[in-house]
Amino acid sequence: MNFLKKNKWIILILILLIGGLVASIKYLYRAPKQIEEIEAAYKGTSINFITLLQEDSLKWNNVSIEISGTVTELVGNNFVMDNFIFCQLKENSEPFLSNQLNTSITIKGIVIGYDELLNELKINQCIILN
């Protein structure tokens, strides 16, 4: 009993540290949210979005958006929308078919950046909504 009286603060601190460590590990290694679950910060056309992007491109980095436009080019399993939005499809999604070229679609994805040199917006984890 004498041992517990002397070291009760040390034992309490150790228990709190271990609890904090377990909580931190659970937080850091949690599963990422799926694109289907994330609420889109912007919903609209690609033409309107590019004007917002030119005002402040950094504001839209790592943000989920839902845009509609026309497929203008196929690049492997990925595609380009309205000649300036490069859409990288989510893994395990259906490949984009060549007969879908020049069709109007709506996609949802996460903005990963705006390439000023190529004047191209890059979106990854894209899913086709219609």
Protein backbone atom coordinates (compact mmCIF):
# COMPACT_ATOMS: atom_id res chain seq x y z
CA MET A 1 0.00 0.00 0.00
CA ASN A 2 2.91 2.29 0.73
CA PHE A 3 4.09 1.86 -2.87
CA LEU A 4 0.76 3.13 -4.26
CA LYS A 5 0.76 6.20 -2.02
CA LYS A 6 4.20 7.25 -3.21
CA ASN A 7 3.70 6.60 -6.89
CA LYS A 8 0.00 7.29 -7.49
CA TRP A 9 0.80 10.42 -9.54
CA ILE A 10 3.29 8.55 -11.71
CA ILE A 11 0.79 5.75 -12.34
CA LEU A 12 -1.95 8.28 -13.16
CA ILE A 13 0.32 10.12 -15.62
CA LEU A 14 1.32 6.83 -17.29
CA ILE A 15 -2.32 5.82 -17.70
CA LEU A 16 -3.16 9.22 -19.24
CA LEU A 17 -0.16 9.02 -21.60
CA ILE A 18 -1.09 5.53 -22.76
CA GLY A 19 -4.71 6.62 -23.28
CA GLY A 20 -3.58 9.66 -25.26
CA LEU A 21 -1.25 7.53 -27.37
CA VAL A 22 -4.02 5.06 -28.21
CA ALA A 23 -6.41 7.89 -29.12
CA SER A 24 -3.75 9.55 -31.31
CA ILE A 25 -2.99 6.34 -33.17
CA LYS A 26 -6.70 5.69 -33.81
CA TYR A 27 -7.09 9.26 -35.13
CA LEU A 28 -4.02 9.16 -37.39
CA TYR A 29 -4.75 5.76 -38.92
CA ARG A 30 -8.48 6.09 -39.46
CA ALA A 31 -9.87 5.19 -42.88
CA PRO A 32 -10.11 8.13 -45.29
CA LYS A 33 -13.54 9.39 -46.26
CA GLN A 34 -14.85 8.12 -49.56
CA ILE A 35 -15.63 10.70 -52.24
CA GLU A 36 -19.26 9.54 -52.22
CA GLU A 37 -19.60 10.60 -48.57
CA ILE A 38 -18.00 14.04 -48.88
CA GLU A 39 -20.29 17.03 -49.41
CA ALA A 40 -19.35 19.03 -52.52
CA ALA A 41 -18.25 22.60 -51.81
CA TYR A 42 -19.21 23.66 -55.36
CA LYS A 43 -21.96 22.38 -57.63
CA GLY A 44 -22.33 23.81 -61.11
CA THR A 45 -20.81 24.00 -64.57
CA SER A 46 -17.15 23.84 -65.42
CA ILE A 47 -17.26 27.21 -67.18
CA ASN A 48 -18.50 28.97 -64.03
CA PHE A 49 -15.99 27.12 -61.88
CA ILE A 50 -13.01 28.24 -63.95
CA THR A 51 -13.90 31.89 -63.29
CA LEU A 52 -13.98 31.18 -59.54
CA LEU A 53 -10.69 29.35 -59.88
CA GLN A 54 -8.99 32.28 -61.60
CA GLU A 55 -9.97 34.58 -58.72
CA ASP A 56 -8.39 32.39 -56.04
CA SER A 57 -6.97 29.02 -57.08
CA LEU A 58 -5.50 28.14 -53.67
CA LYS A 59 -8.92 28.31 -52.03
CA TRP A 60 -10.08 25.27 -54.01
CA ASN A 61 -7.15 22.91 -53.31
CA ASN A 62 -8.21 19.65 -51.61
CA VAL A 63 -11.87 20.59 -51.91
CA SER A 64 -14.61 18.31 -53.23
CA ILE A 65 -16.52 19.71 -56.22
CA GLU A 66 -19.34 18.50 -58.44
CA ILE A 67 -19.19 19.89 -61.97
CA SER A 68 -20.84 19.22 -65.29
CA GLY A 69 -19.35 19.64 -68.71
CA THR A 70 -18.48 17.93 -71.98
CA VAL A 71 -15.83 15.24 -72.40
CA THR A 72 -13.39 16.54 -75.02
CA GLU A 73 -10.44 14.14 -74.82
CA LEU A 74 -9.60 10.66 -73.54
CA VAL A 75 -6.23 10.02 -71.89
CA GLY A 76 -5.96 6.33 -71.05
CA ASN A 77 -8.67 5.60 -68.47
CA ASN A 78 -8.85 9.31 -67.61
CA PHE A 79 -10.40 12.16 -69.56
CA VAL A 80 -10.36 15.91 -70.16
CA MET A 81 -13.51 17.94 -69.71
CA ASP A 82 -14.13 21.18 -71.65
CA ASN A 83 -10.45 21.29 -72.74
CA PHE A 84 -9.17 22.45 -69.34
CA ILE A 85 -10.21 20.00 -66.59
CA PHE A 86 -8.17 16.79 -66.31
CA CYS A 87 -10.19 14.15 -64.47
CA GLN A 88 -8.42 11.18 -62.96
CA LEU A 89 -10.95 8.44 -62.28
CA LYS A 90 -11.15 6.75 -58.91
CA GLU A 91 -9.47 3.34 -58.72
CA ASN A 92 -11.70 0.37 -59.50
CA SER A 93 -14.15 2.53 -61.43
CA GLU A 94 -15.48 1.64 -64.85
CA PRO A 95 -13.16 2.73 -67.67
CA PHE A 96 -14.31 5.61 -69.80
CA LEU A 97 -15.34 4.40 -73.26
CA SER A 98 -14.42 6.13 -76.51
CA ASN A 99 -18.07 6.31 -77.58
CA GLN A 100 -18.67 8.65 -74.62
CA LEU A 101 -16.49 11.33 -76.22
CA ASN A 102 -18.29 14.69 -76.71
CA THR A 103 -21.03 13.72 -74.26
CA SER A 104 -22.22 15.86 -71.37
CA ILE A 105 -21.51 14.39 -67.93
CA THR A 106 -21.48 15.37 -64.27
CA ILE A 107 -18.57 14.31 -62.09
CA LYS A 108 -17.58 14.60 -58.47
CA GLY A 109 -13.95 14.73 -57.38
CA ILE A 110 -11.28 16.44 -55.31
CA VAL A 111 -9.31 19.37 -56.73
CA ILE A 112 -5.58 18.67 -56.48
CA GLY A 113 -4.37 21.81 -58.16
CA TYR A 114 -4.39 24.23 -61.05
CA ASP A 115 -1.54 23.99 -63.56
CA GLU A 116 -0.99 27.53 -64.81
CA LEU A 117 1.56 26.43 -67.41
CA LEU A 118 -0.87 24.09 -69.15
CA ASN A 119 -3.94 26.10 -68.05
CA GLU A 120 -5.43 22.89 -66.68
CA LEU A 121 -7.33 22.04 -63.52
CA LYS A 122 -6.51 18.62 -62.09
CA ILE A 123 -9.14 16.62 -60.24
CA ASN A 124 -8.61 13.14 -58.79
CA GLN A 125 -10.85 10.44 -57.31
CA CYS A 126 -13.47 11.35 -59.90
CA ILE A 127 -16.72 9.46 -59.99
CA ILE A 128 -19.22 9.86 -62.80
CA LEU A 129 -22.64 10.81 -61.46
CA ASN A 130 -24.52 10.66 -64.78
